[in-house]
N, C-alpha and C. Protein backbone atom coordinates (compact mmCIF):
# COMPACT_ATOMS: atom_id res chain seq x y z
N MET A 1 0.17 32.08 100.31
CA MET A 1 1.41 31.68 99.68
C MET A 1 1.35 31.24 98.16
N THR A 2 2.10 31.90 97.48
CA THR A 2 2.27 31.56 95.88
C THR A 2 2.90 30.41 95.74
N ALA A 3 2.72 29.40 94.83
CA ALA A 3 3.45 28.51 94.31
C ALA A 3 4.80 28.99 93.54
N VAL A 4 6.04 28.15 93.69
CA VAL A 4 7.37 28.79 93.09
C VAL A 4 7.17 27.99 91.61
N THR A 5 7.13 28.72 90.78
CA THR A 5 7.27 27.80 89.42
C THR A 5 8.77 27.28 89.16
N GLU A 6 9.01 26.48 88.37
CA GLU A 6 10.06 25.81 87.89
C GLU A 6 10.81 26.61 87.47
N LYS A 7 10.76 27.71 86.83
CA LYS A 7 11.64 28.58 86.24
C LYS A 7 12.23 29.17 87.52
N GLU A 8 11.29 29.82 88.42
CA GLU A 8 12.18 30.40 89.49
C GLU A 8 12.94 29.40 90.24
N LYS A 9 12.80 28.17 90.21
CA LYS A 9 13.75 27.59 91.12
C LYS A 9 14.68 27.32 90.15
N MET A 10 14.95 27.07 88.84
CA MET A 10 15.86 26.87 88.23
C MET A 10 16.75 28.11 88.35
N LEU A 11 16.24 29.50 88.21
CA LEU A 11 17.01 30.50 88.32
C LEU A 11 17.71 30.99 89.63
N ALA A 12 17.08 30.23 90.68
CA ALA A 12 17.49 30.21 91.96
C ALA A 12 18.57 29.39 92.57
N GLY A 13 18.82 28.49 91.44
CA GLY A 13 19.63 27.50 91.51
C GLY A 13 19.14 26.16 92.17
N GLU A 14 18.15 26.40 92.46
CA GLU A 14 17.81 25.03 93.30
C GLU A 14 17.21 23.84 92.34
N LEU A 15 16.87 22.68 92.79
CA LEU A 15 16.46 21.69 91.69
C LEU A 15 15.17 21.88 91.21
N TYR A 16 14.96 21.67 89.92
CA TYR A 16 13.61 21.76 89.23
C TYR A 16 13.38 21.05 88.25
N LEU A 17 12.37 20.87 87.66
CA LEU A 17 11.65 19.98 86.51
C LEU A 17 12.15 20.55 85.39
N PRO A 18 12.82 20.28 84.59
CA PRO A 18 13.16 20.57 83.10
C PRO A 18 11.85 20.50 82.38
N GLY A 19 11.12 19.17 82.52
CA GLY A 19 10.13 19.01 81.57
C GLY A 19 8.76 19.81 81.76
N ASP A 20 9.15 20.99 82.73
CA ASP A 20 7.91 21.52 82.80
C ASP A 20 7.47 22.23 81.56
N PRO A 21 6.03 22.39 81.38
CA PRO A 21 5.77 22.97 80.08
C PRO A 21 6.17 24.47 79.65
N GLN A 22 6.35 25.29 80.86
CA GLN A 22 6.76 26.64 80.52
C GLN A 22 8.14 26.43 80.04
N LEU A 23 9.15 25.66 80.52
CA LEU A 23 10.51 25.79 80.57
C LEU A 23 10.87 25.07 78.84
N LYS A 24 10.03 24.10 78.61
CA LYS A 24 10.08 23.43 77.36
C LYS A 24 9.58 24.14 76.28
N ALA A 25 8.74 25.26 76.08
CA ALA A 25 8.09 26.05 75.64
C ALA A 25 9.36 27.15 75.32
N GLN A 26 9.90 27.71 76.25
CA GLN A 26 11.12 28.50 76.08
C GLN A 26 12.20 27.86 75.58
N ARG A 27 12.59 26.58 75.69
CA ARG A 27 13.42 25.93 75.01
C ARG A 27 13.38 25.82 73.41
N LYS A 28 12.02 25.50 73.42
CA LYS A 28 11.74 25.35 71.88
C LYS A 28 11.77 26.70 71.14
N ARG A 29 11.18 27.61 71.99
CA ARG A 29 11.36 29.06 71.04
C ARG A 29 12.89 29.33 70.84
N ALA A 30 13.78 29.18 71.81
CA ALA A 30 15.29 29.49 71.64
C ALA A 30 15.71 28.63 70.71
N ARG A 31 15.41 27.18 70.46
CA ARG A 31 16.14 26.11 69.48
C ARG A 31 15.73 27.15 67.80
N HIS A 32 14.26 27.59 68.02
CA HIS A 32 13.80 28.06 66.79
C HIS A 32 14.50 29.60 66.47
N LEU A 33 14.74 30.23 67.33
CA LEU A 33 15.53 31.52 67.04
C LEU A 33 17.02 31.41 66.89
N ALA A 34 17.74 30.34 67.52
CA ALA A 34 18.99 29.90 66.99
C ALA A 34 19.16 29.58 65.59
N ARG A 35 18.22 28.31 65.41
CA ARG A 35 18.10 27.86 64.01
C ARG A 35 18.25 28.86 62.86
N ALA A 36 17.32 29.90 63.27
CA ALA A 36 17.09 30.92 62.24
C ALA A 36 18.22 31.72 62.01
N TYR A 37 18.57 32.15 62.86
CA TYR A 37 20.22 32.85 63.38
C TYR A 37 21.22 32.14 62.53
N ASN A 38 21.64 30.74 62.77
CA ASN A 38 22.44 29.85 62.20
C ASN A 38 22.27 29.78 60.61
N LEU A 39 21.27 29.86 60.10
CA LEU A 39 20.75 29.99 58.57
C LEU A 39 21.20 31.38 57.68
N THR A 40 21.33 32.25 58.58
CA THR A 40 21.74 33.64 57.93
C THR A 40 23.11 33.47 57.08
N ASP A 41 23.20 34.49 56.65
CA ASP A 41 24.52 34.54 55.94
C ASP A 41 25.13 36.04 56.41
N ALA A 42 26.52 35.83 56.18
CA ALA A 42 27.03 37.26 56.55
C ALA A 42 26.59 38.73 56.08
N ASP A 43 26.17 38.28 54.94
CA ASP A 43 25.59 39.86 54.39
C ASP A 43 24.22 40.06 54.99
N GLU A 44 23.69 39.49 56.02
CA GLU A 44 22.53 39.78 56.42
C GLU A 44 22.56 40.22 57.96
N PRO A 45 23.39 41.31 58.15
CA PRO A 45 23.66 41.43 59.82
C PRO A 45 22.24 42.09 60.44
N GLU A 46 21.41 42.81 59.58
CA GLU A 46 20.26 43.37 60.19
C GLU A 46 19.48 42.34 60.79
N ARG A 47 19.27 41.36 59.88
CA ARG A 47 18.50 40.01 60.21
C ARG A 47 19.12 39.52 61.60
N ARG A 48 20.54 39.34 61.67
CA ARG A 48 20.98 38.57 62.55
C ARG A 48 20.91 39.59 63.85
N ALA A 49 20.92 40.83 63.92
CA ALA A 49 20.73 41.49 64.97
C ALA A 49 19.63 41.69 65.49
N ALA A 50 18.48 41.22 64.71
CA ALA A 50 17.11 41.46 64.97
C ALA A 50 16.84 40.05 65.40
N ILE A 51 17.43 38.99 64.95
CA ILE A 51 17.02 37.53 65.88
C ILE A 51 17.90 37.85 67.39
N LEU A 52 19.04 38.01 67.28
CA LEU A 52 19.50 38.50 68.36
C LEU A 52 18.88 39.25 69.69
N ASN A 53 18.29 40.08 69.07
CA ASN A 53 17.49 40.81 69.91
C ASN A 53 16.40 40.07 70.48
N GLU A 54 15.52 39.59 69.79
CA GLU A 54 14.46 38.63 70.33
C GLU A 54 14.91 37.55 71.19
N LEU A 55 16.13 36.79 70.91
CA LEU A 55 16.65 35.77 71.56
C LEU A 55 17.07 36.00 72.54
N LEU A 56 17.90 37.01 72.74
CA LEU A 56 18.62 37.39 74.27
C LEU A 56 18.12 38.21 75.03
N GLY A 57 18.44 38.26 76.37
CA GLY A 57 17.96 38.92 77.40
C GLY A 57 18.33 40.28 76.95
N GLY A 58 19.78 40.78 76.55
CA GLY A 58 20.04 42.15 76.49
C GLY A 58 21.22 41.78 75.24
N ILE A 59 21.55 42.82 74.64
CA ILE A 59 22.57 42.84 73.77
C ILE A 59 23.07 44.46 73.44
N GLY A 60 24.49 44.59 73.57
CA GLY A 60 24.95 45.76 73.16
C GLY A 60 25.04 46.10 71.71
N ALA A 61 25.47 47.37 71.53
CA ALA A 61 26.13 47.79 70.09
C ALA A 61 27.02 47.28 69.51
N ASP A 62 27.03 46.95 68.50
CA ASP A 62 28.11 46.51 67.68
C ASP A 62 28.78 45.35 68.02
N VAL A 63 27.69 44.29 68.35
CA VAL A 63 28.09 42.90 68.82
C VAL A 63 27.81 41.83 67.52
N ILE A 64 29.06 41.13 67.53
CA ILE A 64 28.81 40.31 66.31
C ILE A 64 29.23 38.66 66.97
N VAL A 65 27.96 38.11 66.81
CA VAL A 65 28.32 36.52 67.16
C VAL A 65 28.19 35.85 65.93
N GLU A 66 29.22 34.96 65.52
CA GLU A 66 29.37 34.06 64.46
C GLU A 66 28.72 32.85 64.56
N PRO A 67 27.62 32.42 63.55
CA PRO A 67 27.49 31.04 63.67
C PRO A 67 28.08 29.92 63.45
N PRO A 68 28.15 28.90 64.13
CA PRO A 68 26.47 28.52 64.51
C PRO A 68 26.69 29.04 66.17
N PHE A 69 25.49 29.33 66.54
CA PHE A 69 25.26 29.36 67.75
C PHE A 69 24.00 28.95 68.37
N PHE A 70 24.29 28.51 69.73
CA PHE A 70 23.38 27.57 70.31
C PHE A 70 23.13 28.01 71.83
N CYS A 71 21.83 28.00 72.24
CA CYS A 71 21.59 28.00 73.52
C CYS A 71 20.28 27.37 73.92
N ASP A 72 20.29 27.45 75.51
CA ASP A 72 18.89 26.53 76.03
C ASP A 72 17.89 27.51 76.09
N TYR A 73 17.85 28.68 76.44
CA TYR A 73 16.83 29.64 76.89
C TYR A 73 17.19 31.02 76.07
N GLY A 74 18.45 31.47 76.43
CA GLY A 74 18.57 32.94 75.44
C GLY A 74 18.19 33.95 76.34
N SER A 75 17.15 34.18 76.86
CA SER A 75 16.86 35.29 77.91
C SER A 75 17.41 35.37 78.91
N ASN A 76 18.51 34.59 79.59
CA ASN A 76 19.50 34.56 80.36
C ASN A 76 20.84 35.25 79.92
N ILE A 77 21.07 35.44 78.77
CA ILE A 77 22.22 35.79 78.40
C ILE A 77 22.11 37.25 78.18
N PHE A 78 23.06 38.06 78.39
CA PHE A 78 23.16 39.20 78.36
C PHE A 78 24.74 39.62 77.84
N ILE A 79 24.98 40.35 76.67
CA ILE A 79 26.10 40.79 76.02
C ILE A 79 26.15 42.19 76.23
N GLY A 80 27.34 42.64 76.73
CA GLY A 80 27.50 44.24 76.47
C GLY A 80 27.94 44.74 75.19
N ASP A 81 28.51 45.90 75.18
CA ASP A 81 28.84 46.73 74.01
C ASP A 81 30.20 46.01 73.59
């Protein structure tokens, strides 16, 4: 029997430990990318798109997200066209 990770518990809607090292690392990564996104200028659409592609779980074509943008993990966010 394999152990259930704290991330798996979180995604299943169960009680979990948010201080888990894996979850802390994922939050840190998301905050770093969101900070980079929030520091972009309106004339950097390619850079913004690249950051969102790295941060989010999925993003459609021609999506515009105006800074500031904040999230805990990002990988659970999917935006369609």
